[in-house]
Amino acid sequence: MTNSGHSKKEYELTGPELLSHFDAAKIIGEVLGKPVHYPNPTEDEFTNALKAANVPEFVAPAMIGIYSLIKNNVVNYCHPTKFQFRQKGSKIEF
């Protein structure tokens, strides 16, 4: 979203396959040409990292709730024709 016109718009970012955080890190690493590691933090580690970054206290429980839905496959929606990022010349194209 590098140009104007996106304010207050919603975009559904999905693609033809479901990805775990580990899968996403691997793909991002391939795009960057260097390893990317998803640390899989515990709830306490995540909360402490947010506190260390001076994030407001209400954010951690909200984000933990969202990420737990993803981690437990409660939200596992994908759509083959929606907006997706991929690397040019491979499985991942922009």
Protein backbone atom coordinates (compact mmCIF):
# COMPACT_ATOMS: atom_id res chain seq x y z
CA MET A 1 0.00 0.00 0.00
CA THR A 2 2.54 2.50 -1.16
CA ASN A 3 0.14 5.00 -2.69
CA SER A 4 -2.96 6.85 -1.49
CA GLY A 5 -6.48 5.47 -1.56
CA HIS A 6 -6.16 2.69 0.99
CA SER A 7 -7.30 4.58 4.09
CA LYS A 8 -10.22 2.83 5.84
CA LYS A 9 -10.28 0.05 3.23
CA GLU A 10 -10.23 -3.62 4.08
CA TYR A 11 -8.28 -6.24 2.17
CA GLU A 12 -8.63 -9.95 2.52
CA LEU A 13 -5.13 -11.42 2.26
CA THR A 14 -5.30 -15.10 1.48
CA GLY A 15 -4.30 -17.50 -1.22
CA PRO A 16 -4.74 -21.01 -2.57
CA GLU A 17 -3.22 -22.79 0.45
CA LEU A 18 -3.21 -22.46 4.21
CA LEU A 19 0.14 -21.58 5.77
CA SER A 20 1.36 -21.97 9.31
CA HIS A 21 3.60 -19.34 10.87
CA PHE A 22 6.49 -21.74 10.18
CA ASP A 23 5.47 -22.05 6.49
CA ALA A 24 5.20 -18.28 6.17
CA ALA A 25 8.66 -17.78 7.73
CA LYS A 26 10.15 -20.30 5.30
CA ILE A 27 8.58 -18.55 2.28
CA ILE A 28 9.65 -15.11 3.51
CA GLY A 29 13.17 -16.49 3.92
CA GLU A 30 13.12 -17.80 0.35
CA VAL A 31 12.03 -14.37 -0.91
CA LEU A 32 14.71 -12.61 1.13
CA GLY A 33 17.38 -15.16 0.27
CA LYS A 34 18.21 -15.80 3.92
CA PRO A 35 16.74 -17.93 6.69
CA VAL A 36 13.82 -16.54 8.67
CA HIS A 37 12.93 -18.29 11.91
CA TYR A 38 9.50 -18.19 13.53
CA PRO A 39 10.27 -18.49 17.27
CA ASN A 40 6.85 -19.85 18.33
CA PRO A 41 6.81 -17.92 21.63
CA THR A 42 4.78 -19.01 24.62
CA GLU A 43 2.02 -16.65 25.74
CA ASP A 44 4.28 -15.38 28.53
CA GLU A 45 7.22 -14.81 26.16
CA PHE A 46 4.97 -12.95 23.73
CA THR A 47 3.47 -10.83 26.51
CA ASN A 48 6.92 -9.99 27.88
CA ALA A 49 8.20 -9.04 24.42
CA LEU A 50 5.27 -6.67 23.93
CA LYS A 51 5.81 -5.15 27.39
CA ALA A 52 9.50 -4.65 26.60
CA ALA A 53 8.45 -2.81 23.44
CA ASN A 54 6.15 -0.55 25.50
CA VAL A 55 3.02 -1.86 23.80
CA PRO A 56 -0.16 -1.03 25.76
CA GLU A 57 -1.20 -3.82 28.15
CA PHE A 58 -4.53 -4.54 26.44
CA VAL A 59 -2.80 -5.59 23.21
CA ALA A 60 -1.19 -8.84 24.45
CA PRO A 61 -4.42 -10.63 25.47
CA ALA A 62 -6.13 -9.52 22.26
CA MET A 63 -3.26 -10.71 20.07
CA ILE A 64 -2.91 -13.98 21.99
CA GLY A 65 -6.61 -14.61 21.39
CA ILE A 66 -6.24 -13.97 17.67
CA TYR A 67 -3.08 -16.04 17.28
CA SER A 68 -4.56 -18.93 19.24
CA LEU A 69 -7.41 -19.09 16.73
CA ILE A 70 -4.88 -19.35 13.92
CA LYS A 71 -2.63 -21.80 15.77
CA ASN A 72 -5.58 -24.09 16.56
CA ASN A 73 -6.95 -23.98 12.99
CA VAL A 74 -10.17 -22.28 14.06
CA VAL A 75 -9.72 -19.74 11.27
CA ASN A 76 -8.49 -21.68 8.30
CA TYR A 77 -9.93 -19.83 5.34
CA CYS A 78 -8.24 -19.59 1.97
CA HIS A 79 -9.49 -18.49 -1.43
CA PRO A 80 -7.77 -19.30 -4.73
CA THR A 81 -8.51 -15.98 -6.44
CA LYS A 82 -7.99 -13.43 -3.67
CA PHE A 83 -4.99 -11.10 -3.45
CA GLN A 84 -1.77 -12.97 -2.78
CA PHE A 85 1.94 -12.26 -2.64
CA ARG A 86 4.27 -14.44 -4.70
CA GLN A 87 7.91 -14.26 -5.66
CA LYS A 88 8.37 -13.54 -9.37
CA GLY A 89 9.44 -16.58 -11.36
CA SER A 90 8.51 -19.08 -8.64
CA LYS A 91 5.67 -20.16 -6.43
CA ILE A 92 5.68 -16.73 -4.80
CA GLU A 93 4.81 -13.80 -7.13
CA PHE A 94 4.03 -10.15 -6.43
